[in-house]
Amino acid sequence: MTVPLAEENLDVSKRASAQEATVTKEPVTETKTVEVPVTHEEISVERRPASGSTAAERPVQSRTEIKIPLKKEELEVTKQPYVKEEVAVRKKPVTETRAVSEEVTSEKVDVTDTSGEGKVKEEEEDV
């Protein structure tokens, strides 16, 4: 008569799961100062004695204004976006080894002589 003895084997399988990484761009505001030369015209008044070669006009009878145009440069600021740098994002597979521990069950046989005479003899067979 043959009595089969069973044992459990561990069968570990893998399944793919998805995770995600987030790359976030956020604005950073800073104040930049640029020095720019600007030009403007100013009035200078120089008083000197009359040369006497021109005939005198009669003095003005009322208030008189003389307008002299003055030029000046004004600053106009505009912002132009540009690509400062690029960031390369790559994925690479990384393999690691993990240990899996689980209890397994196997069977063993124990034969006893119920008569108490100890007549049970075990023999091992070469496999």
Protein backbone atom coordinates (compact mmCIF):
# COMPACT_ATOMS: atom_id res chain seq x y z
CA MET A 1 0.00 0.00 0.00
CA THR A 2 1.23 3.48 -0.82
CA VAL A 3 0.35 6.55 1.24
CA PRO A 4 1.04 9.83 -0.62
CA LEU A 5 2.53 12.71 1.42
CA ALA A 6 1.83 16.24 0.21
CA GLU A 7 3.76 19.46 0.69
CA GLU A 8 3.06 23.06 -0.30
CA ASN A 9 5.39 25.02 -2.59
CA LEU A 10 5.57 28.80 -2.65
CA ASP A 11 4.55 30.21 -6.00
CA VAL A 12 5.30 33.94 -6.13
CA SER A 13 3.97 35.89 -9.09
CA LYS A 14 4.35 39.55 -10.00
CA ARG A 15 1.81 42.03 -11.24
CA ALA A 16 2.39 45.53 -12.52
CA SER A 17 0.93 48.47 -10.66
CA ALA A 18 1.03 52.11 -11.64
CA GLN A 19 2.24 55.02 -9.61
CA GLU A 20 2.91 58.52 -10.81
CA ALA A 21 5.48 61.19 -10.23
CA THR A 22 4.50 64.85 -10.39
CA VAL A 23 6.74 67.51 -11.87
CA THR A 24 5.58 70.92 -10.71
CA LYS A 25 6.53 74.26 -12.20
CA GLU A 26 5.80 77.28 -10.08
CA PRO A 27 6.50 80.96 -10.60
CA VAL A 28 9.23 82.67 -8.62
CA THR A 29 9.04 86.44 -8.53
CA GLU A 30 12.13 88.54 -8.06
CA THR A 31 12.97 92.19 -8.62
CA LYS A 32 15.61 92.93 -11.23
CA THR A 33 17.27 96.31 -11.53
CA VAL A 34 18.69 97.47 -14.84
CA GLU A 35 20.57 100.75 -15.15
CA VAL A 36 19.76 102.62 -18.34
CA PRO A 37 21.23 106.02 -19.30
CA VAL A 38 18.55 108.58 -20.23
CA THR A 39 19.05 112.03 -21.70
CA HIS A 40 17.09 115.23 -21.18
CA GLU A 41 17.55 118.89 -22.00
CA GLU A 42 17.74 121.58 -19.37
CA ILE A 43 17.59 125.39 -19.58
CA SER A 44 20.55 127.44 -18.55
CA VAL A 45 20.31 131.19 -18.30
CA GLU A 46 23.36 133.35 -18.79
CA ARG A 47 23.21 137.07 -18.13
CA ARG A 48 25.68 139.39 -19.82
CA PRO A 49 25.92 143.09 -20.62
CA ALA A 50 24.26 144.28 -23.78
CA SER A 51 26.58 144.66 -26.73
CA GLY A 52 24.92 147.94 -27.75
CA SER A 53 24.81 147.07 -31.44
CA THR A 54 21.07 146.36 -31.56
CA ALA A 55 18.35 148.91 -31.26
CA ALA A 56 16.32 148.72 -28.09
CA GLU A 57 12.71 147.75 -28.37
CA ARG A 58 10.07 149.26 -26.27
CA PRO A 59 9.48 147.31 -23.03
CA VAL A 60 6.55 144.90 -23.03
CA GLN A 61 3.27 146.28 -21.74
CA SER A 62 1.92 143.00 -20.36
CA ARG A 63 3.20 139.68 -19.19
CA THR A 64 4.73 137.71 -22.05
CA GLU A 65 5.68 134.02 -22.05
CA ILE A 66 8.17 132.44 -24.36
CA LYS A 67 7.97 128.64 -24.56
CA ILE A 68 11.12 126.69 -25.33
CA PRO A 69 10.62 122.97 -26.11
CA LEU A 70 12.80 120.61 -24.11
CA LYS A 71 13.42 117.00 -25.10
CA LYS A 72 13.77 114.11 -22.71
CA GLU A 73 13.90 110.35 -23.00
CA GLU A 74 11.33 108.35 -21.10
CA LEU A 75 11.66 104.71 -20.17
CA GLU A 76 9.25 102.11 -21.43
CA VAL A 77 9.49 98.67 -19.80
CA THR A 78 8.22 95.54 -21.50
CA LYS A 79 8.77 91.90 -20.53
CA GLN A 80 9.70 89.22 -23.04
CA PRO A 81 9.53 85.55 -22.02
CA TYR A 82 12.36 83.25 -23.11
CA VAL A 83 13.42 79.67 -22.43
CA LYS A 84 16.10 79.86 -19.74
CA GLU A 85 16.79 76.12 -19.46
CA GLU A 86 15.21 72.74 -20.00
CA VAL A 87 14.68 69.94 -17.52
CA ALA A 88 14.95 66.40 -18.84
CA VAL A 89 12.75 63.88 -17.02
CA ARG A 90 13.57 60.24 -17.68
CA LYS A 91 12.30 56.94 -16.37
CA LYS A 92 14.60 54.00 -15.76
CA PRO A 93 13.81 50.52 -14.53
CA VAL A 94 15.42 49.51 -11.24
CA THR A 95 15.39 45.85 -10.22
CA GLU A 96 15.64 44.90 -6.58
CA THR A 97 15.35 41.56 -4.80
CA ARG A 98 12.77 41.13 -2.07
CA ALA A 99 12.47 38.19 0.30
CA VAL A 100 9.02 36.62 0.61
CA SER A 101 8.32 34.52 3.71
CA GLU A 102 5.20 32.43 4.10
CA GLU A 103 4.34 29.33 6.10
CA VAL A 104 4.03 26.11 4.12
CA THR A 105 2.54 22.84 5.25
CA SER A 106 3.87 19.37 4.53
CA GLU A 107 2.76 15.96 5.67
CA LYS A 108 4.75 13.37 7.53
CA VAL A 109 3.83 9.84 8.39
CA ASP A 110 4.13 8.16 11.74
CA VAL A 111 3.40 4.45 11.93
CA THR A 112 2.69 2.82 15.31
CA ASP A 113 2.16 -0.76 16.15
CA THR A 114 -1.08 -0.95 18.08
CA SER A 115 -0.20 -4.36 19.53
CA GLY A 116 2.62 -2.84 21.54
CA GLU A 117 5.13 -5.42 20.29
CA GLY A 118 7.23 -2.89 18.35
CA LYS A 119 7.23 -4.81 15.11
CA VAL A 120 7.18 -1.69 12.86
CA LYS A 121 10.33 -1.27 10.82
CA GLU A 122 10.95 1.78 8.55
CA GLU A 123 13.05 1.53 5.46
CA GLU A 124 14.17 4.37 3.23
CA GLU A 125 14.17 3.91 -0.48
CA ASP A 126 16.88 5.48 -2.65
CA VAL A 127 15.39 7.96 -5.01
